[in-house]
Amino acid sequence: SVHLEYFNFRNDSIAGLLFDLLAEKAKQGVKVRALYDGFGNSSN
């Protein structure tokens, strides 16, 4: 499992790399759960 809780994931290159890696782990059967804050997202 990989559990992530952040105020925000900014839609940029580092977030893209992170979600690509998480997608690979999900394909391997790893449970990936991510949580972000609504205000944190809309304010960036």
PDB file of all heavy atoms in Angstrom:
ATOM      1  N   SER A   1       0.820  -1.211   0.000  1.00  0.00           N
ATOM      2  CA  SER A   1       0.000   0.000   0.000  1.00  0.00           C
ATOM      3  C   SER A   1       0.851   1.258   0.000  1.00  0.00           C
ATOM      4  O   SER A   1       1.939   1.292   0.573  1.00  0.00           O
ATOM      5  CB  SER A   1      -0.941   0.023   1.217  1.00  0.00           C
ATOM      6  OG  SER A   1      -0.188   0.015   2.432  1.00  0.00           O
ATOM      7  N   VAL A   2       0.348   2.289  -0.657  1.00  0.00           N
ATOM      8  CA  VAL A   2       0.918   3.632  -0.604  1.00  0.00           C
ATOM      9  C   VAL A   2      -0.221   4.596  -0.300  1.00  0.00           C
ATOM     10  O   VAL A   2      -1.177   4.698  -1.062  1.00  0.00           O
ATOM     11  CB  VAL A   2       1.595   4.036  -1.931  1.00  0.00           C
ATOM     12  CG1 VAL A   2       2.169   5.452  -1.815  1.00  0.00           C
ATOM     13  CG2 VAL A   2       2.694   3.053  -2.319  1.00  0.00           C
ATOM     14  N   HIS A   3      -0.109   5.284   0.816  1.00  0.00           N
ATOM     15  CA  HIS A   3      -1.137   6.234   1.239  1.00  0.00           C
ATOM     16  C   HIS A   3      -0.549   7.640   1.256  1.00  0.00           C
ATOM     17  O   HIS A   3       0.486   7.874   1.881  1.00  0.00           O
ATOM     18  CB  HIS A   3      -1.643   5.865   2.641  1.00  0.00           C
ATOM     19  CG  HIS A   3      -2.398   4.582   2.675  1.00  0.00           C
ATOM     20  ND1 HIS A   3      -2.579   3.833   3.829  1.00  0.00           N
ATOM     21  CD2 HIS A   3      -3.032   3.888   1.696  1.00  0.00           C
ATOM     22  CE1 HIS A   3      -3.291   2.759   3.548  1.00  0.00           C
ATOM     23  NE2 HIS A   3      -3.574   2.761   2.264  1.00  0.00           N
ATOM     24  N   LEU A   4      -1.209   8.567   0.567  1.00  0.00           N
ATOM     25  CA  LEU A   4      -0.709   9.934   0.445  1.00  0.00           C
ATOM     26  C   LEU A   4      -1.789  10.930   0.853  1.00  0.00           C
ATOM     27  O   LEU A   4      -2.923  10.861   0.359  1.00  0.00           O
ATOM     28  CB  LEU A   4      -0.274  10.239  -0.995  1.00  0.00           C
ATOM     29  CG  LEU A   4       0.709   9.252  -1.661  1.00  0.00           C
ATOM     30  CD1 LEU A   4      -0.058   8.263  -2.541  1.00  0.00           C
ATOM     31  CD2 LEU A   4       1.723   9.994  -2.518  1.00  0.00           C
ATOM     32  N   GLU A   5      -1.441  11.844   1.730  1.00  0.00           N
ATOM     33  CA  GLU A   5      -2.336  12.909   2.164  1.00  0.00           C
ATOM     34  C   GLU A   5      -1.574  14.227   2.048  1.00  0.00           C
ATOM     35  O   GLU A   5      -0.593  14.456   2.757  1.00  0.00           O
ATOM     36  CB  GLU A   5      -2.783  12.677   3.611  1.00  0.00           C
ATOM     37  CG  GLU A   5      -3.679  13.755   4.193  1.00  0.00           C
ATOM     38  CD  GLU A   5      -4.052  13.484   5.643  1.00  0.00           C
ATOM     39  OE1 GLU A   5      -3.749  12.380   6.150  1.00  0.00           O
ATOM     40  OE2 GLU A   5      -4.630  14.370   6.292  1.00  0.00           O
ATOM     41  N   TYR A   6      -2.039  15.097   1.126  1.00  0.00           N
ATOM     42  CA  TYR A   6      -1.383  16.376   0.888  1.00  0.00           C
ATOM     43  C   TYR A   6      -2.406  17.495   0.821  1.00  0.00           C
ATOM     44  O   TYR A   6      -3.557  17.274   0.435  1.00  0.00           O
ATOM     45  CB  TYR A   6      -0.602  16.350  -0.432  1.00  0.00           C
ATOM     46  CG  TYR A   6       0.759  15.682  -0.354  1.00  0.00           C
ATOM     47  CD1 TYR A   6       0.941  14.402  -0.849  1.00  0.00           C
ATOM     48  CD2 TYR A   6       1.846  16.345   0.194  1.00  0.00           C
ATOM     49  CE1 TYR A   6       2.191  13.786  -0.801  1.00  0.00           C
ATOM     50  CE2 TYR A   6       3.099  15.749   0.238  1.00  0.00           C
ATOM     51  CZ  TYR A   6       3.268  14.470  -0.252  1.00  0.00           C
ATOM     52  OH  TYR A   6       4.506  13.880  -0.203  1.00  0.00           O
ATOM     53  N   PHE A   7      -1.964  18.690   1.172  1.00  0.00           N
ATOM     54  CA  PHE A   7      -2.800  19.874   0.980  1.00  0.00           C
ATOM     55  C   PHE A   7      -3.093  20.058  -0.497  1.00  0.00           C
ATOM     56  O   PHE A   7      -4.219  20.362  -0.877  1.00  0.00           O
ATOM     57  CB  PHE A   7      -2.090  21.095   1.570  1.00  0.00           C
ATOM     58  CG  PHE A   7      -2.909  22.351   1.604  1.00  0.00           C
ATOM     59  CD1 PHE A   7      -4.147  22.390   2.216  1.00  0.00           C
ATOM     60  CD2 PHE A   7      -2.429  23.526   1.025  1.00  0.00           C
ATOM     61  CE1 PHE A   7      -4.896  23.567   2.257  1.00  0.00           C
ATOM     62  CE2 PHE A   7      -3.156  24.698   1.061  1.00  0.00           C
ATOM     63  CZ  PHE A   7      -4.395  24.716   1.681  1.00  0.00           C
ATOM     64  N   ASN A   8      -2.088  19.850  -1.341  1.00  0.00           N
ATOM     65  CA  ASN A   8      -2.339  19.889  -2.775  1.00  0.00           C
ATOM     66  C   ASN A   8      -1.283  19.126  -3.559  1.00  0.00           C
ATOM     67  O   ASN A   8      -0.136  18.989  -3.118  1.00  0.00           O
ATOM     68  CB  ASN A   8      -2.462  21.336  -3.299  1.00  0.00           C
ATOM     69  CG  ASN A   8      -1.199  22.170  -3.126  1.00  0.00           C
ATOM     70  OD1 ASN A   8      -0.145  21.844  -3.675  1.00  0.00           O
ATOM     71  ND2 ASN A   8      -1.296  23.264  -2.387  1.00  0.00           N
ATOM     72  N   PHE A   9      -1.699  18.620  -4.693  1.00  0.00           N
ATOM     73  CA  PHE A   9      -0.826  18.101  -5.741  1.00  0.00           C
ATOM     74  C   PHE A   9      -0.883  19.115  -6.882  1.00  0.00           C
ATOM     75  O   PHE A   9      -1.905  19.216  -7.573  1.00  0.00           O
ATOM     76  CB  PHE A   9      -1.294  16.742  -6.264  1.00  0.00           C
ATOM     77  CG  PHE A   9      -1.324  15.638  -5.251  1.00  0.00           C
ATOM     78  CD1 PHE A   9      -2.458  15.406  -4.472  1.00  0.00           C
ATOM     79  CD2 PHE A   9      -0.224  14.812  -5.067  1.00  0.00           C
ATOM     80  CE1 PHE A   9      -2.491  14.382  -3.555  1.00  0.00           C
ATOM     81  CE2 PHE A   9      -0.252  13.769  -4.148  1.00  0.00           C
ATOM     82  CZ  PHE A   9      -1.386  13.557  -3.386  1.00  0.00           C
ATOM     83  N   ARG A  10       0.159  19.861  -7.087  1.00  0.00           N
ATOM     84  CA  ARG A  10       0.159  20.832  -8.176  1.00  0.00           C
ATOM     85  C   ARG A  10       0.303  20.098  -9.507  1.00  0.00           C
ATOM     86  O   ARG A  10       1.110  19.195  -9.656  1.00  0.00           O
ATOM     87  CB  ARG A  10       1.308  21.824  -7.986  1.00  0.00           C
ATOM     88  CG  ARG A  10       1.243  23.063  -8.870  1.00  0.00           C
ATOM     89  CD  ARG A  10       2.233  24.085  -8.369  1.00  0.00           C
ATOM     90  NE  ARG A  10       2.252  25.308  -9.174  1.00  0.00           N
ATOM     91  CZ  ARG A  10       3.107  25.550 -10.127  1.00  0.00           C
ATOM     92  NH1 ARG A  10       4.044  24.652 -10.425  1.00  0.00           N
ATOM     93  NH2 ARG A  10       3.065  26.684 -10.801  1.00  0.00           N
ATOM     94  N   ASN A  11      -0.486  20.478 -10.490  1.00  0.00           N
ATOM     95  CA  ASN A  11      -0.466  19.817 -11.785  1.00  0.00           C
ATOM     96  C   ASN A  11       0.753  20.246 -12.590  1.00  0.00           C
ATOM     97  O   ASN A  11       0.683  21.091 -13.474  1.00  0.00           O
ATOM     98  CB  ASN A  11      -1.769  20.131 -12.547  1.00  0.00           C
ATOM     99  CG  ASN A  11      -1.792  19.478 -13.919  1.00  0.00           C
ATOM    100  OD1 ASN A  11      -1.297  18.368 -14.112  1.00  0.00           O
ATOM    101  ND2 ASN A  11      -2.349  20.200 -14.877  1.00  0.00           N
ATOM    102  N   ASP A  12       1.903  19.669 -12.246  1.00  0.00           N
ATOM    103  CA  ASP A  12       3.148  20.010 -12.923  1.00  0.00           C
ATOM    104  C   ASP A  12       3.985  18.754 -13.108  1.00  0.00           C
ATOM    105  O   ASP A  12       3.486  17.627 -12.931  1.00  0.00           O
ATOM    106  CB  ASP A  12       3.909  21.108 -12.172  1.00  0.00           C
ATOM    107  CG  ASP A  12       4.221  20.733 -10.722  1.00  0.00           C
ATOM    108  OD1 ASP A  12       4.196  19.529 -10.388  1.00  0.00           O
ATOM    109  OD2 ASP A  12       4.519  21.642  -9.912  1.00  0.00           O
ATOM    110  N   SER A  13       5.254  18.912 -13.443  1.00  0.00           N
ATOM    111  CA  SER A  13       6.065  17.763 -13.847  1.00  0.00           C
ATOM    112  C   SER A  13       6.321  16.785 -12.701  1.00  0.00           C
ATOM    113  O   SER A  13       6.266  15.565 -12.906  1.00  0.00           O
ATOM    114  CB  SER A  13       7.395  18.236 -14.440  1.00  0.00           C
ATOM    115  OG  SER A  13       8.170  18.940 -13.486  1.00  0.00           O
ATOM    116  N   ILE A  14       6.580  17.263 -11.482  1.00  0.00           N
ATOM    117  CA  ILE A  14       6.878  16.350 -10.376  1.00  0.00           C
ATOM    118  C   ILE A  14       5.636  15.548  -9.989  1.00  0.00           C
ATOM    119  O   ILE A  14       5.730  14.355  -9.679  1.00  0.00           O
ATOM    120  CB  ILE A  14       7.464  17.111  -9.154  1.00  0.00           C
ATOM    121  CG1 ILE A  14       8.164  16.132  -8.199  1.00  0.00           C
ATOM    122  CG2 ILE A  14       6.397  17.907  -8.424  1.00  0.00           C
ATOM    123  CD1 ILE A  14       9.458  15.590  -8.702  1.00  0.00           C
ATOM    124  N   ALA A  15       4.469  16.186 -10.036  1.00  0.00           N
ATOM    125  CA  ALA A  15       3.229  15.470  -9.767  1.00  0.00           C
ATOM    126  C   ALA A  15       2.965  14.441 -10.863  1.00  0.00           C
ATOM    127  O   ALA A  15       2.497  13.328 -10.586  1.00  0.00           O
ATOM    128  CB  ALA A  15       2.061  16.439  -9.646  1.00  0.00           C
ATOM    129  N   GLY A  16       3.265  14.808 -12.122  1.00  0.00           N
ATOM    130  CA  GLY A  16       3.105  13.870 -13.226  1.00  0.00           C
ATOM    131  C   GLY A  16       3.978  12.634 -13.045  1.00  0.00           C
ATOM    132  O   GLY A  16       3.529  11.501 -13.242  1.00  0.00           O
ATOM    133  N   LEU A  17       5.237  12.840 -12.654  1.00  0.00           N
ATOM    134  CA  LEU A  17       6.136  11.720 -12.399  1.00  0.00           C
ATOM    135  C   LEU A  17       5.631  10.859 -11.245  1.00  0.00           C
ATOM    136  O   LEU A  17       5.705   9.626 -11.292  1.00  0.00           O
ATOM    137  CB  LEU A  17       7.539  12.239 -12.093  1.00  0.00           C
ATOM    138  CG  LEU A  17       8.305  12.875 -13.254  1.00  0.00           C
ATOM    139  CD1 LEU A  17       9.597  13.528 -12.742  1.00  0.00           C
ATOM    140  CD2 LEU A  17       8.631  11.839 -14.325  1.00  0.00           C
ATOM    141  N   LEU A  18       5.123  11.506 -10.207  1.00  0.00           N
ATOM    142  CA  LEU A  18       4.611  10.775  -9.056  1.00  0.00           C
ATOM    143  C   LEU A  18       3.417   9.907  -9.432  1.00  0.00           C
ATOM    144  O   LEU A  18       3.375   8.712  -9.103  1.00  0.00           O
ATOM    145  CB  LEU A  18       4.221  11.755  -7.940  1.00  0.00           C
ATOM    146  CG  LEU A  18       3.547  11.145  -6.708  1.00  0.00           C
ATOM    147  CD1 LEU A  18       4.460  10.155  -6.011  1.00  0.00           C
ATOM    148  CD2 LEU A  18       3.086  12.242  -5.737  1.00  0.00           C
ATOM    149  N   PHE A  19       2.445  10.476 -10.139  1.00  0.00           N
ATOM    150  CA  PHE A  19       1.259   9.710 -10.499  1.00  0.00           C
ATOM    151  C   PHE A  19       1.568   8.609 -11.516  1.00  0.00           C
ATOM    152  O   PHE A  19       0.920   7.563 -11.507  1.00  0.00           O
ATOM    153  CB  PHE A  19       0.152  10.641 -11.004  1.00  0.00           C
ATOM    154  CG  PHE A  19      -0.542  11.393  -9.900  1.00  0.00           C
ATOM    155  CD1 PHE A  19      -0.511  12.783  -9.848  1.00  0.00           C
ATOM    156  CD2 PHE A  19      -1.219  10.711  -8.907  1.00  0.00           C
ATOM    157  CE1 PHE A  19      -1.146  13.473  -8.820  1.00  0.00           C
ATOM    158  CE2 PHE A  19      -1.862  11.393  -7.870  1.00  0.00           C
ATOM    159  CZ  PHE A  19      -1.822  12.776  -7.835  1.00  0.00           C
ATOM    160  N   ASP A  20       2.557   8.821 -12.382  1.00  0.00           N
ATOM    161  CA  ASP A  20       2.994   7.751 -13.284  1.00  0.00           C
ATOM    162  C   ASP A  20       3.572   6.580 -12.486  1.00  0.00           C
ATOM    163  O   ASP A  20       3.284   5.411 -12.771  1.00  0.00           O
ATOM    164  CB  ASP A  20       4.044   8.276 -14.268  1.00  0.00           C
ATOM    165  CG  ASP A  20       3.455   9.151 -15.358  1.00  0.00           C
ATOM    166  OD1 ASP A  20       2.214   9.158 -15.527  1.00  0.00           O
ATOM    167  OD2 ASP A  20       4.242   9.855 -16.047  1.00  0.00           O
ATOM    168  N   LEU A  21       4.389   6.894 -11.497  1.00  0.00           N
ATOM    169  CA  LEU A  21       4.973   5.852 -10.649  1.00  0.00           C
ATOM    170  C   LEU A  21       3.901   5.136  -9.843  1.00  0.00           C
ATOM    171  O   LEU A  21       3.911   3.903  -9.722  1.00  0.00           O
ATOM    172  CB  LEU A  21       6.018   6.476  -9.714  1.00  0.00           C
ATOM    173  CG  LEU A  21       6.687   5.545  -8.696  1.00  0.00           C
ATOM    174  CD1 LEU A  21       7.374   4.376  -9.392  1.00  0.00           C
ATOM    175  CD2 LEU A  21       7.679   6.328  -7.837  1.00  0.00           C
ATOM    176  N   LEU A  22       2.952   5.883  -9.316  1.00  0.00           N
ATOM    177  CA  LEU A  22       1.862   5.281  -8.547  1.00  0.00           C
ATOM    178  C   LEU A  22       0.997   4.381  -9.428  1.00  0.00           C
ATOM    179  O   LEU A  22       0.511   3.341  -8.975  1.00  0.00           O
ATOM    180  CB  LEU A  22       1.010   6.381  -7.903  1.00  0.00           C
ATOM    181  CG  LEU A  22       1.696   7.198  -6.803  1.00  0.00           C
ATOM    182  CD1 LEU A  22       0.819   8.375  -6.384  1.00  0.00           C
ATOM    183  CD2 LEU A  22       2.030   6.331  -5.586  1.00  0.00           C
ATOM    184  N   ALA A  23       0.814   4.777 -10.686  1.00  0.00           N
ATOM    185  CA  ALA A  23       0.044   3.943 -11.625  1.00  0.00           C
ATOM    186  C   ALA A  23       0.746   2.612 -11.857  1.00  0.00           C
ATOM    187  O   ALA A  23       0.103   1.555 -11.930  1.00  0.00           O
ATOM    188  CB  ALA A  23      -0.155   4.690 -12.941  1.00  0.00           C
ATOM    189  N   GLU A  24       2.086   2.647 -11.986  1.00  0.00           N
ATOM    190  CA  GLU A  24       2.853   1.409 -12.132  1.00  0.00           C
ATOM    191  C   GLU A  24       2.666   0.497 -10.923  1.00  0.00           C
ATOM    192  O   GLU A  24       2.492  -0.722 -11.064  1.00  0.00           O
ATOM    193  CB  GLU A  24       4.340   1.736 -12.293  1.00  0.00           C
ATOM    194  CG  GLU A  24       4.726   2.365 -13.623  1.00  0.00           C
ATOM    195  CD  GLU A  24       6.211   2.672 -13.686  1.00  0.00           C
ATOM    196  OE1 GLU A  24       6.972   2.055 -12.913  1.00  0.00           O
ATOM    197  OE2 GLU A  24       6.612   3.525 -14.506  1.00  0.00           O
ATOM    198  N   LYS A  25       2.708   1.082  -9.736  1.00  0.00           N
ATOM    199  CA  LYS A  25       2.542   0.284  -8.527  1.00  0.00           C
ATOM    200  C   LYS A  25       1.128  -0.287  -8.437  1.00  0.00           C
ATOM    201  O   LYS A  25       0.932  -1.432  -7.999  1.00  0.00           O
ATOM    202  CB  LYS A  25       2.851   1.118  -7.287  1.00  0.00           C
ATOM    203  CG  LYS A  25       4.270   1.678  -7.226  1.00  0.00           C
ATOM    204  CD  LYS A  25       5.345   0.623  -7.443  1.00  0.00           C
ATOM    205  CE  LYS A  25       5.355  -0.452  -6.347  1.00  0.00           C
ATOM    206  NZ  LYS A  25       6.492  -1.375  -6.507  1.00  0.00           N
ATOM    207  N   ALA A  26       0.145   0.484  -8.872  1.00  0.00           N
ATOM    208  CA  ALA A  26      -1.235  -0.002  -8.863  1.00  0.00           C
ATOM    209  C   ALA A  26      -1.395  -1.209  -9.778  1.00  0.00           C
ATOM    210  O   ALA A  26      -2.096  -2.170  -9.452  1.00  0.00           O
ATOM    211  CB  ALA A  26      -2.189   1.117  -9.267  1.00  0.00           C
ATOM    212  N   LYS A  27      -0.728  -1.180 -10.954  1.00  0.00           N
ATOM    213  CA  LYS A  27      -0.761  -2.311 -11.873  1.00  0.00           C
ATOM    214  C   LYS A  27      -0.136  -3.560 -11.250  1.00  0.00           C
ATOM    215  O   LYS A  27      -0.496  -4.689 -11.583  1.00  0.00           O
ATOM    216  CB  LYS A  27      -0.039  -1.949 -13.172  1.00  0.00           C
ATOM    217  CG  LYS A  27      -0.792  -0.955 -14.047  1.00  0.00           C
ATOM    218  CD  LYS A  27       0.007  -0.617 -15.295  1.00  0.00           C
ATOM    219  CE  LYS A  27      -0.711   0.431 -16.135  1.00  0.00           C
ATOM    220  NZ  LYS A  27       0.100   0.827 -17.334  1.00  0.00           N
ATOM    221  N   GLN A  28       0.819  -3.360 -10.337  1.00  0.00           N
ATOM    222  CA  GLN A  28       1.476  -4.473  -9.647  1.00  0.00           C
ATOM    223  C   GLN A  28       0.650  -5.013  -8.487  1.00  0.00           C
ATOM    224  O   GLN A  28       1.060  -5.968  -7.821  1.00  0.00           O
ATOM    225  CB  GLN A  28       2.844  -4.019  -9.141  1.00  0.00           C
ATOM    226  CG  GLN A  28       3.828  -3.639 -10.238  1.00  0.00           C
ATOM    227  CD  GLN A  28       5.077  -2.952  -9.689  1.00  0.00           C
ATOM    228  OE1 GLN A  28       5.342  -2.988  -8.481  1.00  0.00           O
ATOM    229  NE2 GLN A  28       5.846  -2.323 -10.571  1.00  0.00           N
ATOM    230  N   GLY A  29      -0.511  -4.407  -8.243  1.00  0.00           N
ATOM    231  CA  GLY A  29      -1.380  -4.881  -7.172  1.00  0.00           C
ATOM    232  C   GLY A  29      -1.266  -4.113  -5.872  1.00  0.00           C
ATOM    233  O   GLY A  29      -1.902  -4.474  -4.870  1.00  0.00           O
ATOM    234  N   VAL A  30      -0.447  -3.057  -5.857  1.00  0.00           N
ATOM    235  CA  VAL A  30      -0.309  -2.220  -4.662  1.00  0.00           C
ATOM    236  C   VAL A  30      -1.534  -1.311  -4.561  1.00  0.00           C
ATOM    237  O   VAL A  30      -1.934  -0.689  -5.545  1.00  0.00           O
ATOM    238  CB  VAL A  30       0.975  -1.377  -4.728  1.00  0.00           C
ATOM    239  CG1 VAL A  30       1.056  -0.418  -3.535  1.00  0.00           C
ATOM    240  CG2 VAL A  30       2.200  -2.277  -4.775  1.00  0.00           C
ATOM    241  N   LYS A  31      -2.135  -1.230  -3.379  1.00  0.00           N
ATOM    242  CA  LYS A  31      -3.268  -0.332  -3.154  1.00  0.00           C
ATOM    243  C   LYS A  31      -2.747   1.087  -2.972  1.00  0.00           C
ATOM    244  O   LYS A  31      -1.990   1.369  -2.039  1.00  0.00           O
ATOM    245  CB  LYS A  31      -4.071  -0.765  -1.932  1.00  0.00           C
ATOM    246  CG  LYS A  31      -4.781  -2.103  -2.073  1.00  0.00           C
ATOM    247  CD  LYS A  31      -5.862  -2.052  -3.136  1.00  0.00           C
ATOM    248  CE  LYS A  31      -6.994  -1.114  -2.774  1.00  0.00           C
ATOM    249  NZ  LYS A  31      -8.097  -1.142  -3.801  1.00  0.00           N
ATOM    250  N   VAL A  32      -3.160   1.953  -3.884  1.00  0.00           N
ATOM    251  CA  VAL A  32      -2.715   3.341  -3.840  1.00  0.00           C
ATOM    252  C   VAL A  32      -3.916   4.228  -3.528  1.00  0.00           C
ATOM    253  O   VAL A  32      -4.912   4.225  -4.254  1.00  0.00           O
ATOM    254  CB  VAL A  32      -2.074   3.774  -5.169  1.00  0.00           C
ATOM    255  CG1 VAL A  32      -1.609   5.234  -5.064  1.00  0.00           C
ATOM    256  CG2 VAL A  32      -0.895   2.866  -5.523  1.00  0.00           C
ATOM    257  N   ARG A  33      -3.795   4.987  -2.434  1.00  0.00           N
ATOM    258  CA  ARG A  33      -4.869   5.889  -2.012  1.00  0.00           C
ATOM    259  C   ARG A  33      -4.277   7.277  -1.826  1.00  0.00           C
ATOM    260  O   ARG A  33      -3.286   7.449  -1.116  1.00  0.00           O
ATOM    261  CB  ARG A  33      -5.499   5.394  -0.709  1.00  0.00           C
ATOM    262  CG  ARG A  33      -6.105   3.988  -0.806  1.00  0.00           C
ATOM    263  CD  ARG A  33      -6.692   3.533   0.527  1.00  0.00           C
ATOM    264  NE  ARG A  33      -7.371   2.240   0.402  1.00  0.00           N
ATOM    265  CZ  ARG A  33      -6.811   1.081   0.702  1.00  0.00           C
ATOM    266  NH1 ARG A  33      -5.545   1.047   1.157  1.00  0.00           N
ATOM    267  NH2 ARG A  33      -7.488  -0.052   0.558  1.00  0.00           N
ATOM    268  N   ALA A  34      -4.892   8.270  -2.458  1.00  0.00           N
ATOM    269  CA  ALA A  34      -4.394   9.640  -2.402  1.00  0.00           C
ATOM    270  C   ALA A  34      -5.519  10.588  -2.007  1.00  0.00           C
ATOM    271  O   ALA A  34      -6.651  10.460  -2.484  1.00  0.00           O
ATOM    272  CB  ALA A  34      -3.795  10.054  -3.747  1.00  0.00           C
ATOM    273  N   LEU A  35      -5.184  11.540  -1.154  1.00  0.00           N
ATOM    274  CA  LEU A  35      -6.158  12.502  -0.647  1.00  0.00           C
ATOM    275  C   LEU A  35      -5.574  13.898  -0.761  1.00  0.00           C
ATOM    276  O   LEU A  35      -4.406  14.123  -0.447  1.00  0.00           O
ATOM    277  CB  LEU A  35      -6.479  12.173   0.815  1.00  0.00           C
ATOM    278  CG  LEU A  35      -7.629  12.919   1.489  1.00  0.00           C
ATOM    279  CD1 LEU A  35      -8.960  12.452   0.920  1.00  0.00           C
ATOM    280  CD2 LEU A  35      -7.598  12.663   3.000  1.00  0.00           C
ATOM    281  N   TYR A  36      -6.382  14.844  -1.233  1.00  0.00           N
ATOM    282  CA  TYR A  36      -5.944  16.233  -1.295  1.00  0.00           C
ATOM    283  C   TYR A  36      -7.063  17.144  -0.818  1.00  0.00           C
ATOM    284  O   TYR A  36      -8.244  16.772  -0.827  1.00  0.00           O
ATOM    285  CB  TYR A  36      -5.495  16.613  -2.712  1.00  0.00           C
ATOM    286  CG  TYR A  36      -6.603  16.588  -3.749  1.00  0.00           C
ATOM    287  CD1 TYR A  36      -7.308  17.738  -4.078  1.00  0.00           C
ATOM    288  CD2 TYR A  36      -6.937  15.403  -4.402  1.00  0.00           C
ATOM    289  CE1 TYR A  36      -8.323  17.722  -5.018  1.00  0.00           C
ATOM    290  CE2 TYR A  36      -7.949  15.364  -5.347  1.00  0.00           C
ATOM    291  CZ  TYR A  36      -8.640  16.526  -5.648  1.00  0.00           C
ATOM    292  OH  TYR A  36      -9.653  16.490  -6.586  1.00  0.00           O
ATOM    293  N   ASP A  37      -6.693  18.335  -0.396  1.00  0.00           N
ATOM    294  CA  ASP A  37      -7.669  19.288   0.131  1.00  0.00           C
ATOM    295  C   ASP A  37      -8.286  20.116  -0.990  1.00  0.00           C
ATOM    296  O   ASP A  37      -7.565  20.592  -1.886  1.00  0.00           O
ATOM    297  CB  ASP A  37      -6.999  20.214   1.148  1.00  0.00           C
ATOM    298  CG  ASP A  37      -7.972  21.167   1.794  1.00  0.00           C
ATOM    299  OD1 ASP A  37      -8.676  20.760   2.739  1.00  0.00           O
ATOM    300  OD2 ASP A  37      -8.055  22.321   1.335  1.00  0.00           O
ATOM    301  N   GLY A  38      -9.588  20.319  -0.931  1.00  0.00           N
ATOM    302  CA  GLY A  38     -10.287  21.052  -1.982  1.00  0.00           C
ATOM    303  C   GLY A  38      -9.820  22.492  -2.112  1.00  0.00           C
ATOM    304  O   GLY A  38      -9.590  22.995  -3.216  1.00  0.00           O
ATOM    305  N   PHE A  39      -9.655  23.171  -0.989  1.00  0.00           N
ATOM    306  CA  PHE A  39      -9.181  24.552  -1.031  1.00  0.00           C
ATOM    307  C   PHE A  39      -7.717  24.614  -1.453  1.00  0.00           C
ATOM    308  O   PHE A  39      -7.323  25.490  -2.223  1.00  0.00           O
ATOM    309  CB  PHE A  39      -9.365  25.218   0.333  1.00  0.00           C
ATOM    310  CG  PHE A  39      -8.910  26.650   0.377  1.00  0.00           C
ATOM    311  CD1 PHE A  39      -9.709  27.655  -0.130  1.00  0.00           C
ATOM    312  CD2 PHE A  39      -7.673  26.984   0.923  1.00  0.00           C
ATOM    313  CE1 PHE A  39      -9.288  28.975  -0.105  1.00  0.00           C
ATOM    314  CE2 PHE A  39      -7.251  28.308   0.952  1.00  0.00           C
ATOM    315  CZ  PHE A  39      -8.064  29.297   0.437  1.00  0.00           C
ATOM    316  N   GLY A  40      -6.917  23.669  -0.954  1.00  0.00           N
ATOM    317  CA  GLY A  40      -5.510  23.612  -1.342  1.00  0.00           C
ATOM    318  C   GLY A  40      -5.349  23.435  -2.843  1.00  0.00           C
ATOM    319  O   GLY A  40      -4.452  24.012  -3.466  1.00  0.00           O
ATOM    320  N   ASN A  41      -6.223  22.645  -3.424  1.00  0.00           N
ATOM    321  CA  ASN A  41      -6.166  22.415  -4.870  1.00  0.00           C
ATOM    322  C   ASN A  41      -6.605  23.651  -5.651  1.00  0.00           C
ATOM    323  O   ASN A  41      -5.924  24.088  -6.574  1.00  0.00           O
ATOM    324  CB  ASN A  41      -7.044  21.218  -5.244  1.00  0.00           C
ATOM    325  CG  ASN A  41      -6.952  20.875  -6.728  1.00  0.00           C
ATOM    326  OD1 ASN A  41      -5.881  20.589  -7.252  1.00  0.00           O
ATOM    327  ND2 ASN A  41      -8.094  20.902  -7.412  1.00  0.00           N
ATOM    328  N   SER A  42      -7.728  24.215  -5.282  1.00  0.00           N
ATOM    329  CA  SER A  42      -8.279  25.337  -6.046  1.00  0.00           C
ATOM    330  C   SER A  42      -7.464  26.615  -5.871  1.00  0.00           C
ATOM    331  O   SER A  42      -7.518  27.506  -6.722  1.00  0.00           O
ATOM    332  CB  SER A  42      -9.729  25.599  -5.631  1.00  0.00           C
ATOM    333  OG  SER A  42      -9.828  25.925  -4.278  1.00  0.00           O
ATOM    334  N   SER A  43      -6.713  26.719  -4.781  1.00  0.00           N
ATOM    335  CA  SER A  43      -5.960  27.943  -4.519  1.00  0.00           C
ATOM    336  C   SER A  43      -4.578  27.955  -5.158  1.00  0.00           C
ATOM    337  O   SER A  43      -3.905  28.983  -5.159  1.00  0.00           O
ATOM    338  CB  SER A  43      -5.809  28.167  -3.010  1.00  0.00           C
ATOM    339  OG  SER A  43      -5.071  27.094  -2.409  1.00  0.00           O
ATOM    340  N   ASN A  44      -4.117  26.812  -5.686  1.00  0.00           N
ATOM    341  CA  ASN A  44      -2.830  26.854  -6.367  1.00  0.00           C
ATOM    342  C   ASN A  44      -3.046  27.144  -7.854  1.00  0.00           C
ATOM    343  O   ASN A  44      -4.111  26.879  -8.400  1.00  0.00           O
ATOM    344  CB  ASN A  44      -2.030  25.564  -6.113  1.00  0.00           C
ATOM    345  CG  ASN A  44      -2.312  24.429  -7.039  1.00  0.00           C
ATOM    346  OD1 ASN A  44      -1.920  24.452  -8.201  1.00  0.00           O
ATOM    347  ND2 ASN A  44      -2.985  23.397  -6.523  1.00  0.00           N
TER     348      ASN A  44
END
